[in-house]
Amino acid sequence: MTVPTENQEAERLSNWLRNNKYKFTHIANESGLPPKVAMLAAKRKKRMGLSPWFPDYCIILRRGSLLFIELKRQRAVL
């Protein structure tokens, strides 16, 4: 069994939220860039106010509350 990547899980969550008419945003902490470029991008994002510990998603629930979600990739069970 193949374990989905965090990106695949994020896409599934985003699609579900859109299909169910939730307002949300993804806070992109990941870069997917080569190490040297990622380091420069991370420094720039930090200057702009991005916090590395902040959750991946902010969702506005129907009753007006906020829900924050931090995604983590599943580990394969052998």
C-alpha atoms as a PDB file:
ATOM      1  CA  MET A   1       0.000   0.000   0.000  1.00  0.00           C
ATOM      2  CA  THR A   2       1.350   3.410  -0.975  1.00  0.00           C
ATOM      3  CA  VAL A   3       1.168   6.117   1.672  1.00  0.00           C
ATOM      4  CA  PRO A   4      -0.022   9.455   0.239  1.00  0.00           C
ATOM      5  CA  THR A   5       2.349  12.398   0.405  1.00  0.00           C
ATOM      6  CA  GLU A   6       1.495  15.454   2.484  1.00  0.00           C
ATOM      7  CA  ASN A   7       0.880  17.360  -0.770  1.00  0.00           C
ATOM      8  CA  GLN A   8      -1.617  14.729  -1.940  1.00  0.00           C
ATOM      9  CA  GLU A   9      -3.403  14.866   1.419  1.00  0.00           C
ATOM     10  CA  ALA A  10      -3.456  18.679   1.234  1.00  0.00           C
ATOM     11  CA  GLU A  11      -5.041  18.561  -2.230  1.00  0.00           C
ATOM     12  CA  ARG A  12      -7.684  16.106  -1.017  1.00  0.00           C
ATOM     13  CA  LEU A  13      -8.486  18.308   1.978  1.00  0.00           C
ATOM     14  CA  SER A  14      -8.671  21.442  -0.193  1.00  0.00           C
ATOM     15  CA  ASN A  15     -10.994  19.725  -2.658  1.00  0.00           C
ATOM     16  CA  TRP A  16     -13.246  18.514   0.169  1.00  0.00           C
ATOM     17  CA  LEU A  17     -13.382  21.988   1.713  1.00  0.00           C
ATOM     18  CA  ARG A  18     -14.228  23.588  -1.664  1.00  0.00           C
ATOM     19  CA  ASN A  19     -16.891  20.965  -2.438  1.00  0.00           C
ATOM     20  CA  ASN A  20     -18.489  21.608   0.967  1.00  0.00           C
ATOM     21  CA  LYS A  21     -18.388  25.403   0.503  1.00  0.00           C
ATOM     22  CA  TYR A  22     -15.985  26.199   3.357  1.00  0.00           C
ATOM     23  CA  LYS A  23     -13.877  29.356   3.274  1.00  0.00           C
ATOM     24  CA  PHE A  24     -10.256  28.494   3.984  1.00  0.00           C
ATOM     25  CA  THR A  25      -6.663  29.265   3.202  1.00  0.00           C
ATOM     26  CA  HIS A  26      -3.503  27.205   3.049  1.00  0.00           C
ATOM     27  CA  ILE A  27      -0.520  28.807   4.780  1.00  0.00           C
ATOM     28  CA  ALA A  28       2.376  27.634   2.636  1.00  0.00           C
ATOM     29  CA  ASN A  29       5.358  26.944   4.906  1.00  0.00           C
ATOM     30  CA  GLU A  30       6.836  24.295   2.644  1.00  0.00           C
ATOM     31  CA  SER A  31       8.951  25.271  -0.343  1.00  0.00           C
ATOM     32  CA  GLY A  32       9.704  22.201  -2.460  1.00  0.00           C
ATOM     33  CA  LEU A  33      12.767  24.072  -3.715  1.00  0.00           C
ATOM     34  CA  PRO A  34      16.427  23.065  -3.873  1.00  0.00           C
ATOM     35  CA  PRO A  35      18.142  23.617  -0.478  1.00  0.00           C
ATOM     36  CA  LYS A  36      19.980  26.880  -1.302  1.00  0.00           C
ATOM     37  CA  VAL A  37      16.934  28.444  -2.942  1.00  0.00           C
ATOM     38  CA  ALA A  38      14.661  27.149  -0.138  1.00  0.00           C
ATOM     39  CA  MET A  39      16.875  28.795   2.479  1.00  0.00           C
ATOM     40  CA  LEU A  40      16.679  32.173   0.709  1.00  0.00           C
ATOM     41  CA  ALA A  41      12.918  31.822   0.231  1.00  0.00           C
ATOM     42  CA  ALA A  42      12.456  30.888   3.909  1.00  0.00           C
ATOM     43  CA  LYS A  43      14.405  33.974   5.016  1.00  0.00           C
ATOM     44  CA  ARG A  44      12.287  36.177   2.746  1.00  0.00           C
ATOM     45  CA  LYS A  45       9.036  34.603   4.009  1.00  0.00           C
ATOM     46  CA  LYS A  46      10.182  35.085   7.622  1.00  0.00           C
ATOM     47  CA  ARG A  47      10.801  38.785   6.962  1.00  0.00           C
ATOM     48  CA  MET A  48       7.262  38.961   5.536  1.00  0.00           C
ATOM     49  CA  GLY A  49       5.824  37.471   8.751  1.00  0.00           C
ATOM     50  CA  LEU A  50       5.527  33.735   8.074  1.00  0.00           C
ATOM     51  CA  SER A  51       6.025  31.639  11.203  1.00  0.00           C
ATOM     52  CA  PRO A  52       7.363  28.095  10.718  1.00  0.00           C
ATOM     53  CA  TRP A  53       5.282  26.718  13.609  1.00  0.00           C
ATOM     54  CA  PHE A  54       1.979  28.048  12.268  1.00  0.00           C
ATOM     55  CA  PRO A  55      -0.594  25.414  11.128  1.00  0.00           C
ATOM     56  CA  ASP A  56      -1.067  24.579   7.445  1.00  0.00           C
ATOM     57  CA  TYR A  57      -4.750  25.470   7.121  1.00  0.00           C
ATOM     58  CA  CYS A  58      -7.104  28.080   8.524  1.00  0.00           C
ATOM     59  CA  ILE A  59     -10.782  27.192   7.993  1.00  0.00           C
ATOM     60  CA  ILE A  60     -13.797  29.353   8.783  1.00  0.00           C
ATOM     61  CA  LEU A  61     -16.499  27.101  10.187  1.00  0.00           C
ATOM     62  CA  ARG A  62     -20.152  27.764   9.472  1.00  0.00           C
ATOM     63  CA  ARG A  63     -20.777  29.066  12.994  1.00  0.00           C
ATOM     64  CA  GLY A  64     -17.992  31.638  12.523  1.00  0.00           C
ATOM     65  CA  SER A  65     -15.277  29.885  14.533  1.00  0.00           C
ATOM     66  CA  LEU A  66     -11.808  29.270  13.170  1.00  0.00           C
ATOM     67  CA  LEU A  67     -10.280  25.821  12.829  1.00  0.00           C
ATOM     68  CA  PHE A  68      -6.533  25.411  12.327  1.00  0.00           C
ATOM     69  CA  ILE A  69      -5.125  22.164  10.933  1.00  0.00           C
ATOM     70  CA  GLU A  70      -1.505  21.008  10.773  1.00  0.00           C
ATOM     71  CA  LEU A  71      -1.006  18.223   8.242  1.00  0.00           C
ATOM     72  CA  LYS A  72       1.559  15.481   8.771  1.00  0.00           C
ATOM     73  CA  ARG A  73       2.415  12.703   6.376  1.00  0.00           C
ATOM     74  CA  GLN A  74       1.450   9.199   7.438  1.00  0.00           C
ATOM     75  CA  ARG A  75       4.252   6.740   7.949  1.00  0.00           C
ATOM     76  CA  ALA A  76       4.167   3.416   6.163  1.00  0.00           C
ATOM     77  CA  VAL A  77       3.494   0.475   8.448  1.00  0.00           C
ATOM     78  CA  LEU A  78       5.630  -2.541   7.594  1.00  0.00           C
END
